[in-house]
N, C-alpha and C. Protein backbone atom coordinates (compact mmCIF):
# COMPACT_ATOMS: atom_id res chain seq x y z
N UNK A 1 26.67 15.28 -9.04
CA UNK A 1 26.57 14.13 -9.92
C UNK A 1 25.24 14.19 -10.66
N UNK A 2 25.30 14.07 -11.93
CA UNK A 2 24.10 14.13 -12.76
C UNK A 2 23.63 12.70 -13.05
N UNK A 3 22.34 12.49 -12.89
CA UNK A 3 21.77 11.18 -13.19
C UNK A 3 20.87 11.32 -14.40
N UNK A 4 21.12 10.51 -15.38
CA UNK A 4 20.33 10.53 -16.60
C UNK A 4 19.19 9.53 -16.44
N UNK A 5 18.06 9.98 -15.90
CA UNK A 5 16.95 9.07 -15.65
C UNK A 5 16.29 8.59 -16.93
N UNK A 6 16.33 9.38 -17.98
CA UNK A 6 15.72 8.91 -19.22
C UNK A 6 16.51 7.74 -19.78
N UNK A 7 17.81 7.77 -19.66
CA UNK A 7 18.63 6.66 -20.13
C UNK A 7 18.39 5.42 -19.27
N UNK A 8 18.27 5.64 -17.95
CA UNK A 8 18.04 4.50 -17.06
C UNK A 8 16.71 3.84 -17.37
N UNK A 9 15.68 4.65 -17.60
CA UNK A 9 14.37 4.11 -17.90
C UNK A 9 14.33 3.42 -19.25
N UNK A 10 15.16 3.86 -20.18
CA UNK A 10 15.17 3.30 -21.52
C UNK A 10 16.02 2.04 -21.62
N UNK A 11 16.73 1.70 -20.54
CA UNK A 11 17.49 0.46 -20.56
C UNK A 11 18.97 0.65 -20.87
N UNK A 12 19.47 1.87 -20.89
CA UNK A 12 20.87 2.12 -21.12
C UNK A 12 21.64 1.92 -19.82
N UNK A 13 22.72 1.17 -19.85
CA UNK A 13 23.52 0.92 -18.66
C UNK A 13 24.14 2.23 -18.18
N UNK A 14 24.03 2.50 -16.90
CA UNK A 14 24.58 3.70 -16.31
C UNK A 14 24.69 3.50 -14.82
N UNK A 15 25.30 4.47 -14.14
CA UNK A 15 25.37 4.41 -12.69
C UNK A 15 23.97 4.36 -12.08
N UNK A 16 23.04 5.10 -12.67
CA UNK A 16 21.69 5.09 -12.12
C UNK A 16 21.04 3.71 -12.29
N UNK A 17 21.39 2.96 -13.32
CA UNK A 17 20.84 1.61 -13.47
C UNK A 17 21.32 0.69 -12.37
N UNK A 18 22.56 0.86 -11.94
CA UNK A 18 23.07 0.06 -10.82
C UNK A 18 22.31 0.44 -9.55
N UNK A 19 22.08 1.73 -9.35
CA UNK A 19 21.33 2.19 -8.19
C UNK A 19 19.90 1.67 -8.22
N UNK A 20 19.28 1.70 -9.39
CA UNK A 20 17.91 1.19 -9.53
C UNK A 20 17.88 -0.31 -9.25
N UNK A 21 18.86 -1.05 -9.74
CA UNK A 21 18.95 -2.48 -9.45
C UNK A 21 19.04 -2.72 -7.95
N UNK A 22 19.91 -1.98 -7.28
CA UNK A 22 20.05 -2.14 -5.83
C UNK A 22 18.73 -1.82 -5.13
N UNK A 23 18.07 -0.76 -5.55
CA UNK A 23 16.77 -0.41 -4.98
C UNK A 23 15.74 -1.49 -5.21
N UNK A 24 15.73 -2.08 -6.41
CA UNK A 24 14.78 -3.17 -6.71
C UNK A 24 15.04 -4.36 -5.80
N UNK A 25 16.30 -4.70 -5.61
CA UNK A 25 16.65 -5.84 -4.74
C UNK A 25 16.16 -5.57 -3.32
N UNK A 26 16.44 -4.38 -2.81
CA UNK A 26 16.07 -4.06 -1.44
C UNK A 26 14.55 -4.02 -1.25
N UNK A 27 13.83 -3.50 -2.24
CA UNK A 27 12.37 -3.49 -2.15
C UNK A 27 11.80 -4.91 -2.27
N UNK A 28 12.40 -5.72 -3.11
CA UNK A 28 11.87 -7.07 -3.35
C UNK A 28 12.02 -7.99 -2.15
N UNK A 29 13.10 -7.86 -1.40
CA UNK A 29 13.40 -8.81 -0.33
C UNK A 29 12.23 -8.96 0.64
N UNK A 30 11.69 -7.86 1.12
CA UNK A 30 10.62 -7.93 2.12
C UNK A 30 9.38 -8.62 1.56
N UNK A 31 9.08 -8.40 0.28
CA UNK A 31 7.89 -9.00 -0.32
C UNK A 31 8.10 -10.48 -0.63
N UNK A 32 9.30 -10.84 -1.07
CA UNK A 32 9.60 -12.25 -1.33
C UNK A 32 9.52 -13.06 -0.04
N UNK A 33 10.15 -12.56 1.01
CA UNK A 33 10.14 -13.29 2.29
C UNK A 33 8.74 -13.33 2.90
N UNK A 34 8.04 -12.22 2.85
CA UNK A 34 6.71 -12.16 3.44
C UNK A 34 5.72 -13.03 2.67
N UNK A 35 5.76 -12.96 1.36
CA UNK A 35 4.86 -13.78 0.54
C UNK A 35 5.13 -15.26 0.73
N UNK A 36 6.40 -15.65 0.73
CA UNK A 36 6.77 -17.05 0.95
C UNK A 36 6.30 -17.50 2.33
N UNK A 37 6.51 -16.65 3.33
CA UNK A 37 6.08 -16.99 4.69
C UNK A 37 4.58 -17.19 4.79
N UNK A 38 3.82 -16.33 4.14
CA UNK A 38 2.35 -16.46 4.16
C UNK A 38 1.91 -17.74 3.46
N UNK A 39 2.48 -18.02 2.30
CA UNK A 39 2.06 -19.17 1.52
C UNK A 39 2.48 -20.50 2.15
N UNK A 40 3.51 -20.50 2.96
CA UNK A 40 3.94 -21.74 3.63
C UNK A 40 3.35 -21.88 5.02
N UNK A 41 2.57 -20.92 5.44
CA UNK A 41 1.89 -20.99 6.74
C UNK A 41 0.48 -20.43 6.60
N UNK A 42 -0.25 -20.98 5.65
CA UNK A 42 -1.59 -20.44 5.32
C UNK A 42 -2.51 -20.42 6.54
N UNK A 43 -2.52 -21.47 7.33
CA UNK A 43 -3.47 -21.51 8.46
C UNK A 43 -3.18 -20.40 9.46
N UNK A 44 -1.91 -20.17 9.77
CA UNK A 44 -1.56 -19.08 10.70
C UNK A 44 -1.88 -17.72 10.11
N UNK A 45 -1.59 -17.56 8.84
CA UNK A 45 -1.87 -16.29 8.16
C UNK A 45 -3.37 -16.05 8.12
N UNK A 46 -4.13 -17.10 7.80
CA UNK A 46 -5.59 -16.98 7.74
C UNK A 46 -6.15 -16.63 9.12
N UNK A 47 -5.61 -17.22 10.17
CA UNK A 47 -6.07 -16.90 11.53
C UNK A 47 -5.81 -15.44 11.86
N UNK A 48 -4.64 -14.96 11.49
CA UNK A 48 -4.30 -13.54 11.71
C UNK A 48 -5.24 -12.64 10.93
N UNK A 49 -5.47 -12.96 9.65
CA UNK A 49 -6.37 -12.16 8.81
C UNK A 49 -7.80 -12.21 9.34
N UNK A 50 -8.22 -13.38 9.83
CA UNK A 50 -9.54 -13.49 10.43
C UNK A 50 -9.66 -12.59 11.65
N UNK A 51 -8.59 -12.52 12.43
CA UNK A 51 -8.57 -11.64 13.60
C UNK A 51 -8.66 -10.17 13.23
N UNK A 52 -8.21 -9.82 12.04
CA UNK A 52 -8.33 -8.44 11.56
C UNK A 52 -9.72 -8.16 10.99
N UNK A 53 -10.53 -9.22 10.87
CA UNK A 53 -11.87 -9.05 10.33
C UNK A 53 -11.94 -9.09 8.81
N UNK A 54 -10.88 -9.59 8.17
CA UNK A 54 -10.89 -9.67 6.71
C UNK A 54 -11.79 -10.81 6.24
N UNK A 55 -12.48 -10.63 5.13
CA UNK A 55 -13.37 -11.68 4.63
C UNK A 55 -12.58 -12.85 4.05
N UNK A 56 -13.18 -14.03 4.09
CA UNK A 56 -12.58 -15.25 3.52
C UNK A 56 -11.08 -15.30 3.83
N UNK A 57 -10.73 -15.43 5.09
CA UNK A 57 -9.32 -15.28 5.48
C UNK A 57 -8.35 -16.23 4.79
N UNK A 58 -8.76 -17.46 4.50
CA UNK A 58 -7.85 -18.38 3.83
C UNK A 58 -7.60 -17.94 2.39
N UNK A 59 -8.66 -17.62 1.68
CA UNK A 59 -8.50 -17.13 0.30
C UNK A 59 -7.72 -15.82 0.28
N UNK A 60 -8.00 -14.95 1.23
CA UNK A 60 -7.28 -13.67 1.32
C UNK A 60 -5.80 -13.92 1.57
N UNK A 61 -5.48 -14.89 2.44
CA UNK A 61 -4.08 -15.22 2.73
C UNK A 61 -3.35 -15.69 1.48
N UNK A 62 -4.02 -16.52 0.69
CA UNK A 62 -3.40 -17.02 -0.55
C UNK A 62 -3.20 -15.87 -1.53
N UNK A 63 -4.22 -15.04 -1.71
CA UNK A 63 -4.12 -13.92 -2.65
C UNK A 63 -3.03 -12.95 -2.23
N UNK A 64 -3.02 -12.60 -0.95
CA UNK A 64 -2.00 -11.66 -0.45
C UNK A 64 -0.61 -12.27 -0.59
N UNK A 65 -0.47 -13.54 -0.24
CA UNK A 65 0.83 -14.21 -0.38
C UNK A 65 1.31 -14.21 -1.82
N UNK A 66 0.40 -14.47 -2.76
CA UNK A 66 0.78 -14.47 -4.18
C UNK A 66 1.14 -13.08 -4.68
N UNK A 67 0.38 -12.07 -4.26
CA UNK A 67 0.71 -10.69 -4.65
C UNK A 67 2.12 -10.35 -4.17
N UNK A 68 2.40 -10.67 -2.91
CA UNK A 68 3.72 -10.35 -2.37
C UNK A 68 4.83 -11.13 -3.06
N UNK A 69 4.65 -12.44 -3.19
CA UNK A 69 5.70 -13.28 -3.77
C UNK A 69 5.92 -12.96 -5.26
N UNK A 70 4.85 -12.94 -6.04
CA UNK A 70 5.00 -12.70 -7.47
C UNK A 70 5.37 -11.24 -7.77
N UNK A 71 4.79 -10.32 -7.00
CA UNK A 71 5.16 -8.91 -7.16
C UNK A 71 6.62 -8.68 -6.80
N UNK A 72 7.06 -9.28 -5.70
CA UNK A 72 8.46 -9.16 -5.30
C UNK A 72 9.40 -9.74 -6.34
N UNK A 73 9.01 -10.88 -6.91
CA UNK A 73 9.83 -11.50 -7.95
C UNK A 73 9.89 -10.63 -9.20
N UNK A 74 8.76 -10.04 -9.58
CA UNK A 74 8.73 -9.15 -10.75
C UNK A 74 9.64 -7.95 -10.54
N UNK A 75 9.59 -7.37 -9.35
CA UNK A 75 10.46 -6.23 -9.04
C UNK A 75 11.92 -6.66 -9.05
N UNK A 76 12.21 -7.81 -8.46
CA UNK A 76 13.59 -8.29 -8.38
C UNK A 76 14.22 -8.45 -9.75
N UNK A 77 13.51 -9.11 -10.66
CA UNK A 77 14.09 -9.38 -11.99
C UNK A 77 13.81 -8.27 -12.99
N UNK A 78 12.97 -7.31 -12.60
CA UNK A 78 12.66 -6.20 -13.50
C UNK A 78 11.74 -6.60 -14.64
N UNK A 79 10.68 -7.32 -14.32
CA UNK A 79 9.71 -7.76 -15.32
C UNK A 79 8.40 -7.00 -15.11
N UNK A 80 7.95 -6.28 -16.16
CA UNK A 80 6.74 -5.46 -16.04
C UNK A 80 6.85 -4.58 -14.80
N UNK A 81 7.99 -3.97 -14.65
CA UNK A 81 8.35 -3.27 -13.42
C UNK A 81 7.42 -2.12 -13.08
N UNK A 82 7.09 -1.32 -14.05
CA UNK A 82 6.22 -0.16 -13.75
C UNK A 82 4.85 -0.62 -13.26
N UNK A 83 4.30 -1.65 -13.89
CA UNK A 83 2.99 -2.18 -13.47
C UNK A 83 3.11 -2.81 -12.08
N UNK A 84 4.13 -3.65 -11.89
CA UNK A 84 4.33 -4.31 -10.59
C UNK A 84 4.54 -3.28 -9.48
N UNK A 85 5.27 -2.22 -9.78
CA UNK A 85 5.52 -1.18 -8.78
C UNK A 85 4.22 -0.48 -8.39
N UNK A 86 3.37 -0.18 -9.37
CA UNK A 86 2.07 0.44 -9.06
C UNK A 86 1.20 -0.50 -8.22
N UNK A 87 1.15 -1.77 -8.62
CA UNK A 87 0.34 -2.75 -7.87
C UNK A 87 0.83 -2.83 -6.43
N UNK A 88 2.14 -2.95 -6.25
CA UNK A 88 2.68 -3.08 -4.89
C UNK A 88 2.57 -1.77 -4.11
N UNK A 89 2.62 -0.63 -4.78
CA UNK A 89 2.43 0.65 -4.08
C UNK A 89 1.02 0.72 -3.50
N UNK A 90 0.03 0.41 -4.32
CA UNK A 90 -1.36 0.43 -3.86
C UNK A 90 -1.57 -0.62 -2.77
N UNK A 91 -1.04 -1.81 -2.99
CA UNK A 91 -1.14 -2.90 -2.01
C UNK A 91 -0.52 -2.50 -0.67
N UNK A 92 0.62 -1.84 -0.71
CA UNK A 92 1.33 -1.47 0.51
C UNK A 92 0.58 -0.40 1.31
N UNK A 93 -0.01 0.55 0.63
CA UNK A 93 -0.84 1.55 1.32
C UNK A 93 -2.07 0.86 1.93
N UNK A 94 -2.72 -0.01 1.14
CA UNK A 94 -3.90 -0.72 1.64
C UNK A 94 -3.55 -1.56 2.86
N UNK A 95 -2.41 -2.24 2.80
CA UNK A 95 -1.97 -3.05 3.94
C UNK A 95 -1.79 -2.19 5.18
N UNK A 96 -1.17 -1.05 5.02
CA UNK A 96 -0.99 -0.14 6.14
C UNK A 96 -2.31 0.31 6.73
N UNK A 97 -3.28 0.59 5.87
CA UNK A 97 -4.59 1.06 6.33
C UNK A 97 -5.40 -0.06 6.99
N UNK A 98 -5.15 -1.30 6.60
CA UNK A 98 -5.87 -2.43 7.19
C UNK A 98 -5.21 -2.91 8.48
N UNK A 99 -3.90 -3.00 8.48
CA UNK A 99 -3.22 -3.69 9.58
C UNK A 99 -2.46 -2.78 10.54
N UNK A 100 -2.26 -1.52 10.20
CA UNK A 100 -1.40 -0.68 11.04
C UNK A 100 -2.01 0.68 11.34
N UNK A 101 -3.28 0.70 11.74
CA UNK A 101 -3.92 1.98 12.04
C UNK A 101 -4.09 2.24 13.53
N UNK A 102 -3.60 1.36 14.37
CA UNK A 102 -3.67 1.61 15.81
C UNK A 102 -2.56 2.57 16.22
N UNK A 103 -2.66 3.81 15.75
CA UNK A 103 -1.56 4.77 15.86
C UNK A 103 -1.27 5.23 17.28
N UNK A 104 -2.14 4.91 18.24
CA UNK A 104 -1.83 5.21 19.64
C UNK A 104 -0.64 4.36 20.09
N UNK A 105 -0.47 3.22 19.45
CA UNK A 105 0.68 2.33 19.69
C UNK A 105 1.81 2.79 18.78
N UNK A 106 2.90 3.24 19.36
CA UNK A 106 4.00 3.79 18.56
C UNK A 106 4.52 2.78 17.54
N UNK A 107 4.53 1.49 17.88
CA UNK A 107 5.03 0.49 16.93
C UNK A 107 4.12 0.40 15.70
N UNK A 108 2.81 0.53 15.89
CA UNK A 108 1.89 0.51 14.76
C UNK A 108 2.09 1.75 13.88
N UNK A 109 2.35 2.88 14.52
CA UNK A 109 2.62 4.10 13.75
C UNK A 109 3.89 3.93 12.93
N UNK A 110 4.92 3.34 13.53
CA UNK A 110 6.17 3.09 12.80
C UNK A 110 5.93 2.14 11.63
N UNK A 111 5.14 1.08 11.86
CA UNK A 111 4.83 0.14 10.78
C UNK A 111 4.07 0.83 9.64
N UNK A 112 3.13 1.70 10.00
CA UNK A 112 2.39 2.43 8.98
C UNK A 112 3.32 3.35 8.18
N UNK A 113 4.19 4.07 8.88
CA UNK A 113 5.14 4.96 8.21
C UNK A 113 6.12 4.18 7.34
N UNK A 114 6.51 2.98 7.80
CA UNK A 114 7.36 2.10 6.99
C UNK A 114 6.65 1.77 5.68
N UNK A 115 5.36 1.47 5.76
CA UNK A 115 4.60 1.17 4.55
C UNK A 115 4.57 2.37 3.61
N UNK A 116 4.40 3.56 4.16
CA UNK A 116 4.42 4.75 3.32
C UNK A 116 5.78 4.94 2.65
N UNK A 117 6.86 4.69 3.38
CA UNK A 117 8.20 4.83 2.81
C UNK A 117 8.42 3.82 1.68
N UNK A 118 7.99 2.59 1.90
CA UNK A 118 8.10 1.56 0.85
C UNK A 118 7.29 1.98 -0.37
N UNK A 119 6.10 2.51 -0.13
CA UNK A 119 5.26 3.00 -1.23
C UNK A 119 5.99 4.07 -2.02
N UNK A 120 6.68 4.97 -1.33
CA UNK A 120 7.47 5.99 -2.02
C UNK A 120 8.51 5.37 -2.92
N UNK A 121 9.17 4.32 -2.45
CA UNK A 121 10.14 3.61 -3.29
C UNK A 121 9.50 3.02 -4.53
N UNK A 122 8.32 2.44 -4.36
CA UNK A 122 7.62 1.87 -5.51
C UNK A 122 7.18 2.94 -6.50
N UNK A 123 6.75 4.08 -6.01
CA UNK A 123 6.35 5.17 -6.91
C UNK A 123 7.55 5.68 -7.71
N UNK A 124 8.70 5.78 -7.07
CA UNK A 124 9.91 6.16 -7.80
C UNK A 124 10.26 5.13 -8.86
N UNK A 125 10.12 3.85 -8.51
CA UNK A 125 10.41 2.78 -9.47
C UNK A 125 9.40 2.79 -10.62
N UNK A 126 8.14 3.04 -10.31
CA UNK A 126 7.12 3.14 -11.36
C UNK A 126 7.44 4.28 -12.32
N UNK A 127 8.01 5.34 -11.80
CA UNK A 127 8.37 6.49 -12.62
C UNK A 127 9.65 6.26 -13.42
N UNK A 128 10.65 5.68 -12.78
CA UNK A 128 11.97 5.54 -13.43
C UNK A 128 12.05 4.34 -14.36
N UNK A 129 11.30 3.31 -14.08
CA UNK A 129 11.45 2.06 -14.81
C UNK A 129 12.52 1.21 -14.16
N UNK A 130 12.75 0.05 -14.71
CA UNK A 130 13.62 -0.96 -14.09
C UNK A 130 15.10 -0.73 -14.30
N UNK A 131 15.47 0.13 -15.22
CA UNK A 131 16.89 0.32 -15.52
C UNK A 131 17.41 -0.73 -16.48
N UNK A 132 18.68 -0.64 -16.79
CA UNK A 132 19.29 -1.49 -17.81
C UNK A 132 19.42 -2.95 -17.39
N UNK A 133 19.55 -3.18 -16.09
CA UNK A 133 19.78 -4.54 -15.61
C UNK A 133 18.44 -5.17 -15.22
N UNK A 134 17.64 -5.48 -16.25
CA UNK A 134 16.29 -5.97 -16.02
C UNK A 134 15.79 -6.72 -17.24
N UNK A 135 14.79 -7.53 -17.02
CA UNK A 135 14.12 -8.20 -18.14
C UNK A 135 13.45 -7.16 -19.03
N UNK A 136 12.85 -6.14 -18.41
CA UNK A 136 12.21 -5.09 -19.21
C UNK A 136 13.17 -4.49 -20.24
N UNK A 137 14.40 -4.20 -19.84
CA UNK A 137 15.38 -3.60 -20.75
C UNK A 137 15.76 -4.57 -21.87
N UNK A 138 15.84 -5.84 -21.54
CA UNK A 138 16.22 -6.84 -22.55
C UNK A 138 15.10 -7.04 -23.57
N UNK A 139 13.86 -6.85 -23.14
CA UNK A 139 12.70 -7.03 -24.01
C UNK A 139 12.43 -5.81 -24.85
N UNK A 140 12.84 -4.61 -24.34
CA UNK A 140 12.50 -3.36 -25.01
C UNK A 140 13.50 -3.00 -26.01
């Protein structure tokens, strides 16, 4: 099966655009839920961040929650997708390096590897663009 990635990136409807849409939905879900959870439980999130030694834990919780929620929404609807994908790729690697480096614990190693896999998805999305079923395609 041949996939025309240039057409998908340019906003032409194709099988690859459906696949890209599905990928965007699956990538967005974790960030939408996580961002919403952080923003609706700021004190708990701030306590967790404080335990990690992050500076200004309440402000950090709000910023992280907004990055996740707004970034997830941008990916979901395909708005400024390449930029949002790069931001979330960098954010996801940084998150892994801050919160999941206790690699002697197998669960932390799995969490870190999960972050790397998600980052790979974002890099592919940054490269391919949002596809035809997106705000980006309607604007371009």
